[in-house]
C-alpha cells in the first residue's frame, strides 16, 4: 500500500478550503505559506489575480519561529493599512491553525486587520 505524503494531504486540504473562500478588491485574501526557512504572507485580489501586499521573515528581519511569525503578521497588517485594506479573508492554505500560522493571524489582528 502506498503512503500519501504529508504535503499531498496538505494540498488536498488547501484545495478544499480554496473552493469555499475567495478574495475580492473590497475583501482580499490573506494567504500564508510556511516553509522550513521562512514564513510568508500575501494579500491577494483573486478577481484581478494580483498580489496587493506581501511580507515574509526576511523582510521583517526576524527568525523563522513563532515570534517571527507574529512579527510578519504585524508587518502585513501595517502594509495593508497603508494600502487602505482593513478587512481580509484568512487562507491558512491547508496548514493547521496552530503554532506559527496562529501567531501570524494573531499578529495581523493586533496590527489592525479584521477577519
PDB file of N, CA and C in Angstrom:
ATOM      1  N   UNK A   1       0.836  -1.172   0.000  1.00  0.00           N
ATOM      2  CA  UNK A   1       0.000   0.000   0.000  1.00  0.00           C
ATOM      3  C   UNK A   1       0.886   1.241   0.000  1.00  0.00           C
ATOM      4  N   UNK A   2       0.533   2.210  -0.827  1.00  0.00           N
ATOM      5  CA  UNK A   2       1.322   3.431  -0.922  1.00  0.00           C
ATOM      6  C   UNK A   2       0.927   4.399   0.173  1.00  0.00           C
ATOM      7  N   UNK A   3       1.948   5.041   0.713  1.00  0.00           N
ATOM      8  CA  UNK A   3       1.703   6.046   1.740  1.00  0.00           C
ATOM      9  C   UNK A   3       1.619   7.418   1.090  1.00  0.00           C
ATOM     10  N   UNK A   4       0.617   8.197   1.469  1.00  0.00           N
ATOM     11  CA  UNK A   4       0.445   9.541   0.933  1.00  0.00           C
ATOM     12  C   UNK A   4       1.280  10.507   1.768  1.00  0.00           C
ATOM     13  N   UNK A   5       2.026  11.384   1.106  1.00  0.00           N
ATOM     14  CA  UNK A   5       2.906  12.293   1.828  1.00  0.00           C
ATOM     15  C   UNK A   5       2.096  13.356   2.564  1.00  0.00           C
ATOM     16  N   UNK A   6       2.704  13.926   3.581  1.00  0.00           N
ATOM     17  CA  UNK A   6       2.058  14.972   4.369  1.00  0.00           C
ATOM     18  C   UNK A   6       1.755  16.203   3.516  1.00  0.00           C
ATOM     19  N   UNK A   7       2.665  16.503   2.577  1.00  0.00           N
ATOM     20  CA  UNK A   7       2.440  17.672   1.731  1.00  0.00           C
ATOM     21  C   UNK A   7       1.265  17.445   0.782  1.00  0.00           C
ATOM     22  N   UNK A   8       1.098  16.232   0.261  1.00  0.00           N
ATOM     23  CA  UNK A   8      -0.047  15.956  -0.601  1.00  0.00           C
ATOM     24  C   UNK A   8      -1.356  16.052   0.176  1.00  0.00           C
ATOM     25  N   UNK A   9      -1.352  15.622   1.432  1.00  0.00           N
ATOM     26  CA  UNK A   9      -2.534  15.774   2.263  1.00  0.00           C
ATOM     27  C   UNK A   9      -2.841  17.254   2.496  1.00  0.00           C
ATOM     28  N   UNK A  10      -1.794  18.059   2.724  1.00  0.00           N
ATOM     29  CA  UNK A  10      -1.981  19.493   2.914  1.00  0.00           C
ATOM     30  C   UNK A  10      -2.544  20.137   1.658  1.00  0.00           C
ATOM     31  N   UNK A  11      -2.021  19.752   0.502  1.00  0.00           N
ATOM     32  CA  UNK A  11      -2.510  20.325  -0.752  1.00  0.00           C
ATOM     33  C   UNK A  11      -3.972  19.957  -0.996  1.00  0.00           C
ATOM     34  N   UNK A  12      -4.370  18.758  -0.585  1.00  0.00           N
ATOM     35  CA  UNK A  12      -5.771  18.352  -0.692  1.00  0.00           C
ATOM     36  C   UNK A  12      -6.646  19.232   0.196  1.00  0.00           C
ATOM     37  N   UNK A  13      -6.196  19.492   1.431  1.00  0.00           N
ATOM     38  CA  UNK A  13      -6.936  20.393   2.323  1.00  0.00           C
ATOM     39  C   UNK A  13      -6.978  21.806   1.745  1.00  0.00           C
ATOM     40  N   UNK A  14      -5.870  22.233   1.131  1.00  0.00           N
ATOM     41  CA  UNK A  14      -5.800  23.574   0.547  1.00  0.00           C
ATOM     42  C   UNK A  14      -6.845  23.730  -0.554  1.00  0.00           C
ATOM     43  N   UNK A  15      -6.963  22.738  -1.427  1.00  0.00           N
ATOM     44  CA  UNK A  15      -7.954  22.805  -2.500  1.00  0.00           C
ATOM     45  C   UNK A  15      -9.367  22.855  -1.936  1.00  0.00           C
ATOM     46  N   UNK A  16      -9.613  22.121  -0.876  1.00  0.00           N
ATOM     47  CA  UNK A  16     -10.935  22.105  -0.249  1.00  0.00           C
ATOM     48  C   UNK A  16     -11.272  23.479   0.351  1.00  0.00           C
ATOM     49  N   UNK A  17     -10.288  24.102   1.000  1.00  0.00           N
ATOM     50  CA  UNK A  17     -10.504  25.423   1.600  1.00  0.00           C
ATOM     51  C   UNK A  17     -10.675  26.482   0.521  1.00  0.00           C
ATOM     52  N   UNK A  18      -9.849  26.426  -0.523  1.00  0.00           N
ATOM     53  CA  UNK A  18      -9.899  27.437  -1.585  1.00  0.00           C
ATOM     54  C   UNK A  18     -11.184  27.366  -2.395  1.00  0.00           C
ATOM     55  N   UNK A  19     -11.870  26.220  -2.394  1.00  0.00           N
ATOM     56  CA  UNK A  19     -13.147  26.114  -3.088  1.00  0.00           C
ATOM     57  C   UNK A  19     -14.212  26.933  -2.379  1.00  0.00           C
ATOM     58  N   UNK A  20     -14.007  27.213  -1.106  1.00  0.00           N
ATOM     59  CA  UNK A  20     -15.009  27.904  -0.305  1.00  0.00           C
ATOM     60  C   UNK A  20     -14.723  29.388  -0.131  1.00  0.00           C
ATOM     61  N   UNK A  21     -13.452  29.801  -0.188  1.00  0.00           N
ATOM     62  CA  UNK A  21     -13.128  31.209   0.045  1.00  0.00           C
ATOM     63  C   UNK A  21     -12.473  31.819  -1.187  1.00  0.00           C
ATOM     64  N   UNK A  22     -12.669  33.108  -1.354  1.00  0.00           N
ATOM     65  CA  UNK A  22     -12.066  33.838  -2.447  1.00  0.00           C
ATOM     66  C   UNK A  22     -11.924  35.293  -2.027  1.00  0.00           C
ATOM     67  N   UNK A  23     -10.902  35.945  -2.519  1.00  0.00           N
ATOM     68  CA  UNK A  23     -10.675  37.339  -2.189  1.00  0.00           C
ATOM     69  C   UNK A  23     -11.170  38.252  -3.297  1.00  0.00           C
ATOM     70  N   UNK A  24     -11.641  39.413  -2.928  1.00  0.00           N
ATOM     71  CA  UNK A  24     -12.084  40.407  -3.900  1.00  0.00           C
ATOM     72  C   UNK A  24     -11.333  41.710  -3.638  1.00  0.00           C
ATOM     73  N   UNK A  25     -11.651  42.744  -4.395  1.00  0.00           N
ATOM     74  CA  UNK A  25     -10.972  44.022  -4.200  1.00  0.00           C
ATOM     75  C   UNK A  25     -11.350  44.631  -2.855  1.00  0.00           C
ATOM     76  N   UNK A  26     -12.612  44.453  -2.439  1.00  0.00           N
ATOM     77  CA  UNK A  26     -13.035  45.037  -1.167  1.00  0.00           C
ATOM     78  C   UNK A  26     -12.573  44.211   0.025  1.00  0.00           C
ATOM     79  N   UNK A  27     -12.588  42.875  -0.111  1.00  0.00           N
ATOM     80  CA  UNK A  27     -12.136  41.983   0.965  1.00  0.00           C
ATOM     81  C   UNK A  27     -11.167  40.969   0.357  1.00  0.00           C
ATOM     82  N   UNK A  28      -9.865  41.304   0.304  1.00  0.00           N
ATOM     83  CA  UNK A  28      -8.895  40.385  -0.292  1.00  0.00           C
ATOM     84  C   UNK A  28      -8.586  39.203   0.616  1.00  0.00           C
ATOM     85  N   UNK A  29      -7.841  38.253   0.070  1.00  0.00           N
ATOM     86  CA  UNK A  29      -7.494  37.024   0.776  1.00  0.00           C
ATOM     87  C   UNK A  29      -6.079  37.131   1.333  1.00  0.00           C
ATOM     88  N   UNK A  30      -5.917  36.820   2.624  1.00  0.00           N
ATOM     89  CA  UNK A  30      -4.599  36.785   3.269  1.00  0.00           C
ATOM     90  C   UNK A  30      -4.118  35.348   3.236  1.00  0.00           C
ATOM     91  N   UNK A  31      -3.147  35.069   2.369  1.00  0.00           N
ATOM     92  CA  UNK A  31      -2.625  33.724   2.184  1.00  0.00           C
ATOM     93  C   UNK A  31      -1.340  33.552   2.982  1.00  0.00           C
ATOM     94  N   UNK A  32      -1.152  32.362   3.558  1.00  0.00           N
ATOM     95  CA  UNK A  32       0.018  32.048   4.380  1.00  0.00           C
ATOM     96  C   UNK A  32       0.787  30.913   3.725  1.00  0.00           C
ATOM     97  N   UNK A  33       2.118  31.029   3.683  1.00  0.00           N
ATOM     98  CA  UNK A  33       2.969  29.928   3.248  1.00  0.00           C
ATOM     99  C   UNK A  33       4.044  29.718   4.297  1.00  0.00           C
ATOM    100  N   UNK A  34       4.173  28.489   4.739  1.00  0.00           N
ATOM    101  CA  UNK A  34       5.119  28.138   5.786  1.00  0.00           C
ATOM    102  C   UNK A  34       6.124  27.148   5.210  1.00  0.00           C
ATOM    103  N   UNK A  35       7.405  27.446   5.355  1.00  0.00           N
ATOM    104  CA  UNK A  35       8.438  26.504   4.946  1.00  0.00           C
ATOM    105  C   UNK A  35       9.434  26.344   6.082  1.00  0.00           C
ATOM    106  N   UNK A  36      10.428  25.530   5.865  1.00  0.00           N
ATOM    107  CA  UNK A  36      11.441  25.327   6.897  1.00  0.00           C
ATOM    108  C   UNK A  36      12.343  26.546   7.054  1.00  0.00           C
ATOM    109  N   UNK A  37      12.451  27.360   6.005  1.00  0.00           N
ATOM    110  CA  UNK A  37      13.361  28.502   6.040  1.00  0.00           C
ATOM    111  C   UNK A  37      12.676  29.826   6.315  1.00  0.00           C
ATOM    112  N   UNK A  38      11.407  29.972   5.949  1.00  0.00           N
ATOM    113  CA  UNK A  38      10.752  31.267   6.126  1.00  0.00           C
ATOM    114  C   UNK A  38       9.246  31.109   6.259  1.00  0.00           C
ATOM    115  N   UNK A  39       8.615  32.209   6.618  1.00  0.00           N
ATOM    116  CA  UNK A  39       7.160  32.303   6.736  1.00  0.00           C
ATOM    117  C   UNK A  39       6.745  33.477   5.864  1.00  0.00           C
ATOM    118  N   UNK A  40       5.807  33.248   4.945  1.00  0.00           N
ATOM    119  CA  UNK A  40       5.414  34.286   4.008  1.00  0.00           C
ATOM    120  C   UNK A  40       3.919  34.516   4.086  1.00  0.00           C
ATOM    121  N   UNK A  41       3.515  35.754   3.832  1.00  0.00           N
ATOM    122  CA  UNK A  41       2.105  36.120   3.801  1.00  0.00           C
ATOM    123  C   UNK A  41       1.878  37.064   2.628  1.00  0.00           C
ATOM    124  N   UNK A  42       0.749  36.857   1.935  1.00  0.00           N
ATOM    125  CA  UNK A  42       0.376  37.701   0.816  1.00  0.00           C
ATOM    126  C   UNK A  42      -1.085  38.085   0.951  1.00  0.00           C
ATOM    127  N   UNK A  43      -1.409  39.281   0.525  1.00  0.00           N
ATOM    128  CA  UNK A  43      -2.799  39.702   0.434  1.00  0.00           C
ATOM    129  C   UNK A  43      -3.117  39.771  -1.051  1.00  0.00           C
ATOM    130  N   UNK A  44      -4.106  38.970  -1.479  1.00  0.00           N
ATOM    131  CA  UNK A  44      -4.354  38.734  -2.893  1.00  0.00           C
ATOM    132  C   UNK A  44      -5.784  39.127  -3.264  1.00  0.00           C
ATOM    133  N   UNK A  45      -5.918  39.829  -4.384  1.00  0.00           N
ATOM    134  CA  UNK A  45      -7.222  40.087  -5.000  1.00  0.00           C
ATOM    135  C   UNK A  45      -7.418  39.006  -6.060  1.00  0.00           C
ATOM    136  N   UNK A  46      -8.281  38.034  -5.795  1.00  0.00           N
ATOM    137  CA  UNK A  46      -8.460  36.903  -6.705  1.00  0.00           C
ATOM    138  C   UNK A  46      -9.214  37.287  -7.974  1.00  0.00           C
ATOM    139  N   UNK A  47     -10.040  38.309  -7.917  1.00  0.00           N
ATOM    140  CA  UNK A  47     -10.786  38.726  -9.104  1.00  0.00           C
ATOM    141  C   UNK A  47      -9.826  39.265 -10.162  1.00  0.00           C
ATOM    142  N   UNK A  48      -8.920  40.140  -9.745  1.00  0.00           N
ATOM    143  CA  UNK A  48      -7.942  40.712 -10.668  1.00  0.00           C
ATOM    144  C   UNK A  48      -6.718  39.812 -10.828  1.00  0.00           C
ATOM    145  N   UNK A  49      -6.527  38.864  -9.898  1.00  0.00           N
ATOM    146  CA  UNK A  49      -5.372  37.979  -9.966  1.00  0.00           C
ATOM    147  C   UNK A  49      -4.080  38.679  -9.611  1.00  0.00           C
ATOM    148  N   UNK A  50      -4.121  39.617  -8.664  1.00  0.00           N
ATOM    149  CA  UNK A  50      -2.934  40.393  -8.306  1.00  0.00           C
ATOM    150  C   UNK A  50      -2.641  40.290  -6.820  1.00  0.00           C
ATOM    151  N   UNK A  51      -1.353  40.289  -6.505  1.00  0.00           N
ATOM    152  CA  UNK A  51      -0.916  40.373  -5.125  1.00  0.00           C
ATOM    153  C   UNK A  51      -0.844  41.845  -4.749  1.00  0.00           C
ATOM    154  N   UNK A  52      -1.574  42.213  -3.710  1.00  0.00           N
ATOM    155  CA  UNK A  52      -1.627  43.612  -3.292  1.00  0.00           C
ATOM    156  C   UNK A  52      -0.500  43.956  -2.325  1.00  0.00           C
ATOM    157  N   UNK A  53      -0.251  43.060  -1.348  1.00  0.00           N
ATOM    158  CA  UNK A  53       0.755  43.293  -0.311  1.00  0.00           C
ATOM    159  C   UNK A  53       1.416  41.962  -0.001  1.00  0.00           C
ATOM    160  N   UNK A  54       2.707  41.978   0.294  1.00  0.00           N
ATOM    161  CA  UNK A  54       3.419  40.761   0.669  1.00  0.00           C
ATOM    162  C   UNK A  54       4.422  41.063   1.774  1.00  0.00           C
ATOM    163  N   UNK A  55       4.683  40.062   2.614  1.00  0.00           N
ATOM    164  CA  UNK A  55       5.682  40.182   3.675  1.00  0.00           C
ATOM    165  C   UNK A  55       6.205  38.789   4.001  1.00  0.00           C
ATOM    166  N   UNK A  56       7.435  38.729   4.480  1.00  0.00           N
ATOM    167  CA  UNK A  56       7.995  37.453   4.910  1.00  0.00           C
ATOM    168  C   UNK A  56       9.002  37.694   6.028  1.00  0.00           C
ATOM    169  N   UNK A  57       9.588  36.617   6.529  1.00  0.00           N
ATOM    170  CA  UNK A  57      10.511  36.738   7.657  1.00  0.00           C
ATOM    171  C   UNK A  57      11.775  37.489   7.261  1.00  0.00           C
ATOM    172  N   UNK A  58      12.183  37.402   6.009  1.00  0.00           N
ATOM    173  CA  UNK A  58      13.377  38.121   5.570  1.00  0.00           C
ATOM    174  C   UNK A  58      13.118  39.623   5.521  1.00  0.00           C
ATOM    175  N   UNK A  59      11.923  40.026   5.084  1.00  0.00           N
ATOM    176  CA  UNK A  59      11.588  41.452   5.040  1.00  0.00           C
ATOM    177  C   UNK A  59      11.444  42.025   6.447  1.00  0.00           C
ATOM    178  N   UNK A  60      10.978  41.199   7.382  1.00  0.00           N
ATOM    179  CA  UNK A  60      10.807  41.660   8.754  1.00  0.00           C
ATOM    180  C   UNK A  60      12.084  41.519   9.577  1.00  0.00           C
ATOM    181  N   UNK A  61      13.130  40.896   9.018  1.00  0.00           N
ATOM    182  CA  UNK A  61      14.413  40.659   9.702  1.00  0.00           C
ATOM    183  C   UNK A  61      14.225  39.938  11.034  1.00  0.00           C
ATOM    184  N   UNK A  62      13.493  38.817  10.996  1.00  0.00           N
ATOM    185  CA  UNK A  62      13.243  38.022  12.190  1.00  0.00           C
ATOM    186  C   UNK A  62      13.530  36.557  11.896  1.00  0.00           C
ATOM    187  N   UNK A  63      13.611  35.765  12.955  1.00  0.00           N
ATOM    188  CA  UNK A  63      13.821  34.328  12.806  1.00  0.00           C
ATOM    189  C   UNK A  63      12.533  33.644  12.379  1.00  0.00           C
ATOM    190  N   UNK A  64      12.663  32.430  11.887  1.00  0.00           N
ATOM    191  CA  UNK A  64      11.505  31.647  11.469  1.00  0.00           C
ATOM    192  C   UNK A  64      10.998  30.837  12.659  1.00  0.00           C
ATOM    193  N   UNK A  65      10.382  31.533  13.610  1.00  0.00           N
ATOM    194  CA  UNK A  65       9.788  30.884  14.773  1.00  0.00           C
ATOM    195  C   UNK A  65       8.452  31.555  15.059  1.00  0.00           C
ATOM    196  N   UNK A  66       7.842  31.220  16.182  1.00  0.00           N
ATOM    197  CA  UNK A  66       6.517  31.751  16.498  1.00  0.00           C
ATOM    198  C   UNK A  66       6.561  33.270  16.650  1.00  0.00           C
ATOM    199  N   UNK A  67       7.587  33.786  17.323  1.00  0.00           N
ATOM    200  CA  UNK A  67       7.705  35.235  17.491  1.00  0.00           C
ATOM    201  C   UNK A  67       7.935  35.923  16.142  1.00  0.00           C
ATOM    202  N   UNK A  68       8.706  35.307  15.283  1.00  0.00           N
ATOM    203  CA  UNK A  68       8.928  35.859  13.952  1.00  0.00           C
ATOM    204  C   UNK A  68       7.660  35.867  13.115  1.00  0.00           C
ATOM    205  N   UNK A  69       6.856  34.823  13.243  1.00  0.00           N
ATOM    206  CA  UNK A  69       5.591  34.756  12.513  1.00  0.00           C
ATOM    207  C   UNK A  69       4.648  35.855  12.978  1.00  0.00           C
ATOM    208  N   UNK A  70       4.657  36.135  14.274  1.00  0.00           N
ATOM    209  CA  UNK A  70       3.824  37.211  14.799  1.00  0.00           C
ATOM    210  C   UNK A  70       4.290  38.558  14.246  1.00  0.00           C
ATOM    211  N   UNK A  71       5.609  38.740  14.133  1.00  0.00           N
ATOM    212  CA  UNK A  71       6.150  39.973  13.568  1.00  0.00           C
ATOM    213  C   UNK A  71       5.768  40.117  12.093  1.00  0.00           C
ATOM    214  N   UNK A  72       5.742  39.006  11.352  1.00  0.00           N
ATOM    215  CA  UNK A  72       5.316  39.044   9.949  1.00  0.00           C
ATOM    216  C   UNK A  72       3.846  39.443   9.867  1.00  0.00           C
ATOM    217  N   UNK A  73       3.029  38.934  10.786  1.00  0.00           N
ATOM    218  CA  UNK A  73       1.618  39.319  10.834  1.00  0.00           C
ATOM    219  C   UNK A  73       1.441  40.801  11.098  1.00  0.00           C
ATOM    220  N   UNK A  74       2.231  41.332  12.021  1.00  0.00           N
ATOM    221  CA  UNK A  74       2.165  42.771  12.309  1.00  0.00           C
ATOM    222  C   UNK A  74       2.612  43.586  11.087  1.00  0.00           C
ATOM    223  N   UNK A  75       3.663  43.119  10.397  1.00  0.00           N
ATOM    224  CA  UNK A  75       4.167  43.820   9.218  1.00  0.00           C
ATOM    225  C   UNK A  75       3.137  43.814   8.094  1.00  0.00           C
ATOM    226  N   UNK A  76       2.503  42.672   7.861  1.00  0.00           N
ATOM    227  CA  UNK A  76       1.498  42.606   6.791  1.00  0.00           C
ATOM    228  C   UNK A  76       0.304  43.490   7.130  1.00  0.00           C
ATOM    229  N   UNK A  77      -0.058  43.574   8.410  1.00  0.00           N
ATOM    230  CA  UNK A  77      -1.170  44.435   8.812  1.00  0.00           C
ATOM    231  C   UNK A  77      -0.819  45.904   8.589  1.00  0.00           C
ATOM    232  N   UNK A  78       0.406  46.283   8.909  1.00  0.00           N
ATOM    233  CA  UNK A  78       0.845  47.664   8.696  1.00  0.00           C
ATOM    234  C   UNK A  78       0.808  48.017   7.213  1.00  0.00           C
ATOM    235  N   UNK A  79       1.312  47.125   6.377  1.00  0.00           N
ATOM    236  CA  UNK A  79       1.312  47.380   4.937  1.00  0.00           C
ATOM    237  C   UNK A  79      -0.105  47.442   4.390  1.00  0.00           C
ATOM    238  N   UNK A  80      -0.993  46.593   4.915  1.00  0.00           N
ATOM    239  CA  UNK A  80      -2.389  46.607   4.457  1.00  0.00           C
ATOM    240  C   UNK A  80      -3.081  47.914   4.824  1.00  0.00           C
ATOM    241  N   UNK A  81      -2.838  48.376   6.033  1.00  0.00           N
ATOM    242  CA  UNK A  81      -3.474  49.617   6.458  1.00  0.00           C
ATOM    243  C   UNK A  81      -2.956  50.812   5.659  1.00  0.00           C
ATOM    244  N   UNK A  82      -1.696  50.769   5.211  1.00  0.00           N
ATOM    245  CA  UNK A  82      -1.169  51.815   4.337  1.00  0.00           C
ATOM    246  C   UNK A  82      -1.876  51.809   2.991  1.00  0.00           C
ATOM    247  N   UNK A  83      -2.273  50.614   2.522  1.00  0.00           N
ATOM    248  CA  UNK A  83      -2.990  50.476   1.251  1.00  0.00           C
ATOM    249  C   UNK A  83      -4.502  50.635   1.416  1.00  0.00           C
ATOM    250  N   UNK A  84      -4.943  50.983   2.649  1.00  0.00           N
ATOM    251  CA  UNK A  84      -6.361  51.154   2.993  1.00  0.00           C
ATOM    252  C   UNK A  84      -7.147  49.842   2.878  1.00  0.00           C
ATOM    253  N   UNK A  85      -6.510  48.752   3.291  1.00  0.00           N
ATOM    254  CA  UNK A  85      -7.166  47.446   3.363  1.00  0.00           C
ATOM    255  C   UNK A  85      -7.364  47.151   4.845  1.00  0.00           C
ATOM    256  N   UNK A  86      -8.614  47.100   5.299  1.00  0.00           N
ATOM    257  CA  UNK A  86      -8.882  46.898   6.720  1.00  0.00           C
ATOM    258  C   UNK A  86      -9.432  45.520   7.021  1.00  0.00           C
ATOM    259  N   UNK A  87     -10.024  44.854   6.027  1.00  0.00           N
ATOM    260  CA  UNK A  87     -10.653  43.560   6.256  1.00  0.00           C
ATOM    261  C   UNK A  87     -10.157  42.559   5.223  1.00  0.00           C
ATOM    262  N   UNK A  88      -9.820  41.354   5.665  1.00  0.00           N
ATOM    263  CA  UNK A  88      -9.337  40.300   4.776  1.00  0.00           C
ATOM    264  C   UNK A  88     -10.025  38.982   5.118  1.00  0.00           C
ATOM    265  N   UNK A  89      -9.882  38.021   4.205  1.00  0.00           N
ATOM    266  CA  UNK A  89     -10.315  36.652   4.448  1.00  0.00           C
ATOM    267  C   UNK A  89      -9.052  35.831   4.669  1.00  0.00           C
ATOM    268  N   UNK A  90      -8.996  35.079   5.762  1.00  0.00           N
ATOM    269  CA  UNK A  90      -7.778  34.349   6.114  1.00  0.00           C
ATOM    270  C   UNK A  90      -7.752  32.997   5.416  1.00  0.00           C
ATOM    271  N   UNK A  91      -6.678  32.730   4.681  1.00  0.00           N
ATOM    272  CA  UNK A  91      -6.465  31.464   3.978  1.00  0.00           C
ATOM    273  C   UNK A  91      -5.242  30.792   4.576  1.00  0.00           C
ATOM    274  N   UNK A  92      -5.464  29.750   5.349  1.00  0.00           N
ATOM    275  CA  UNK A  92      -4.354  29.072   6.016  1.00  0.00           C
ATOM    276  C   UNK A  92      -3.668  28.052   5.120  1.00  0.00           C
ATOM    277  N   UNK A  93      -4.138  27.874   3.903  1.00  0.00           N
ATOM    278  CA  UNK A  93      -3.508  27.046   2.864  1.00  0.00           C
ATOM    279  C   UNK A  93      -3.315  25.595   3.287  1.00  0.00           C
ATOM    280  N   UNK A  94      -4.255  25.052   4.011  1.00  0.00           N
ATOM    281  CA  UNK A  94      -4.178  23.646   4.396  1.00  0.00           C
ATOM    282  C   UNK A  94      -3.380  23.379   5.649  1.00  0.00           C
ATOM    283  N   UNK A  95      -2.714  24.389   6.195  1.00  0.00           N
ATOM    284  CA  UNK A  95      -1.974  24.209   7.441  1.00  0.00           C
ATOM    285  C   UNK A  95      -2.941  24.245   8.615  1.00  0.00           C
ATOM    286  N   UNK A  96      -2.578  23.556   9.693  1.00  0.00           N
ATOM    287  CA  UNK A  96      -3.399  23.611  10.898  1.00  0.00           C
ATOM    288  C   UNK A  96      -3.304  25.007  11.502  1.00  0.00           C
ATOM    289  N   UNK A  97      -4.407  25.474  12.082  1.00  0.00           N
ATOM    290  CA  UNK A  97      -4.407  26.777  12.760  1.00  0.00           C
ATOM    291  C   UNK A  97      -3.774  26.570  14.127  1.00  0.00           C
ATOM    292  N   UNK A  98      -2.422  26.543  14.128  1.00  0.00           N
ATOM    293  CA  UNK A  98      -1.669  26.176  15.312  1.00  0.00           C
ATOM    294  C   UNK A  98      -0.250  26.699  15.130  1.00  0.00           C
ATOM    295  N   UNK A  99       0.397  27.086  16.198  1.00  0.00           N
ATOM    296  CA  UNK A  99       1.801  27.473  16.142  1.00  0.00           C
ATOM    297  C   UNK A  99       2.038  28.736  15.347  1.00  0.00           C
ATOM    298  N   UNK A 100       2.888  28.620  14.302  1.00  0.00           N
ATOM    299  CA  UNK A 100       3.288  29.799  13.532  1.00  0.00           C
ATOM    300  C   UNK A 100       2.136  30.403  12.732  1.00  0.00           C
ATOM    301  N   UNK A 101       1.248  29.569  12.215  1.00  0.00           N
ATOM    302  CA  UNK A 101       0.104  30.087  11.453  1.00  0.00           C
ATOM    303  C   UNK A 101      -0.820  30.879  12.372  1.00  0.00           C
ATOM    304  N   UNK A 102      -1.051  30.355  13.554  1.00  0.00           N
ATOM    305  CA  UNK A 102      -1.893  31.049  14.527  1.00  0.00           C
ATOM    306  C   UNK A 102      -1.230  32.352  14.983  1.00  0.00           C
ATOM    307  N   UNK A 103       0.082  32.325  15.196  1.00  0.00           N
ATOM    308  CA  UNK A 103       0.805  33.523  15.621  1.00  0.00           C
ATOM    309  C   UNK A 103       0.750  34.610  14.545  1.00  0.00           C
ATOM    310  N   UNK A 104       0.863  34.217  13.278  1.00  0.00           N
ATOM    311  CA  UNK A 104       0.770  35.190  12.198  1.00  0.00           C
ATOM    312  C   UNK A 104      -0.619  35.823  12.176  1.00  0.00           C
ATOM    313  N   UNK A 105      -1.654  35.021  12.342  1.00  0.00           N
ATOM    314  CA  UNK A 105      -3.024  35.543  12.347  1.00  0.00           C
ATOM    315  C   UNK A 105      -3.241  36.490  13.529  1.00  0.00           C
ATOM    316  N   UNK A 106      -2.737  36.112  14.695  1.00  0.00           N
ATOM    317  CA  UNK A 106      -2.896  36.970  15.879  1.00  0.00           C
ATOM    318  C   UNK A 106      -2.127  38.275  15.705  1.00  0.00           C
ATOM    319  N   UNK A 107      -0.933  38.207  15.119  1.00  0.00           N
ATOM    320  CA  UNK A 107      -0.160  39.422  14.849  1.00  0.00           C
ATOM    321  C   UNK A 107      -0.865  40.350  13.889  1.00  0.00           C
ATOM    322  N   UNK A 108      -1.506  39.775  12.865  1.00  0.00           N
ATOM    323  CA  UNK A 108      -2.253  40.596  11.912  1.00  0.00           C
ATOM    324  C   UNK A 108      -3.459  41.242  12.579  1.00  0.00           C
ATOM    325  N   UNK A 109      -4.119  40.499  13.471  1.00  0.00           N
ATOM    326  CA  UNK A 109      -5.260  41.067  14.196  1.00  0.00           C
ATOM    327  C   UNK A 109      -4.810  42.197  15.115  1.00  0.00           C
ATOM    328  N   UNK A 110      -3.680  41.983  15.820  1.00  0.00           N
ATOM    329  CA  UNK A 110      -3.157  43.025  16.690  1.00  0.00           C
ATOM    330  C   UNK A 110      -2.734  44.257  15.906  1.00  0.00           C
ATOM    331  N   UNK A 111      -2.278  44.038  14.668  1.00  0.00           N
ATOM    332  CA  UNK A 111      -1.875  45.152  13.810  1.00  0.00           C
ATOM    333  C   UNK A 111      -3.042  45.959  13.271  1.00  0.00           C
ATOM    334  N   UNK A 112      -4.275  45.428  13.379  1.00  0.00           N
ATOM    335  CA  UNK A 112      -5.436  46.197  12.963  1.00  0.00           C
ATOM    336  C   UNK A 112      -6.270  45.568  11.868  1.00  0.00           C
ATOM    337  N   UNK A 113      -5.885  44.404  11.366  1.00  0.00           N
ATOM    338  CA  UNK A 113      -6.698  43.756  10.346  1.00  0.00           C
ATOM    339  C   UNK A 113      -7.881  43.040  10.974  1.00  0.00           C
ATOM    340  N   UNK A 114      -8.984  42.971  10.243  1.00  0.00           N
ATOM    341  CA  UNK A 114     -10.161  42.250  10.705  1.00  0.00           C
ATOM    342  C   UNK A 114     -10.407  41.081   9.780  1.00  0.00           C
ATOM    343  N   UNK A 115     -10.616  39.893  10.377  1.00  0.00           N
ATOM    344  CA  UNK A 115     -11.031  38.707   9.627  1.00  0.00           C
ATOM    345  C   UNK A 115     -11.696  37.714  10.512  1.00  0.00           C
TER     346      UNK A 115
END
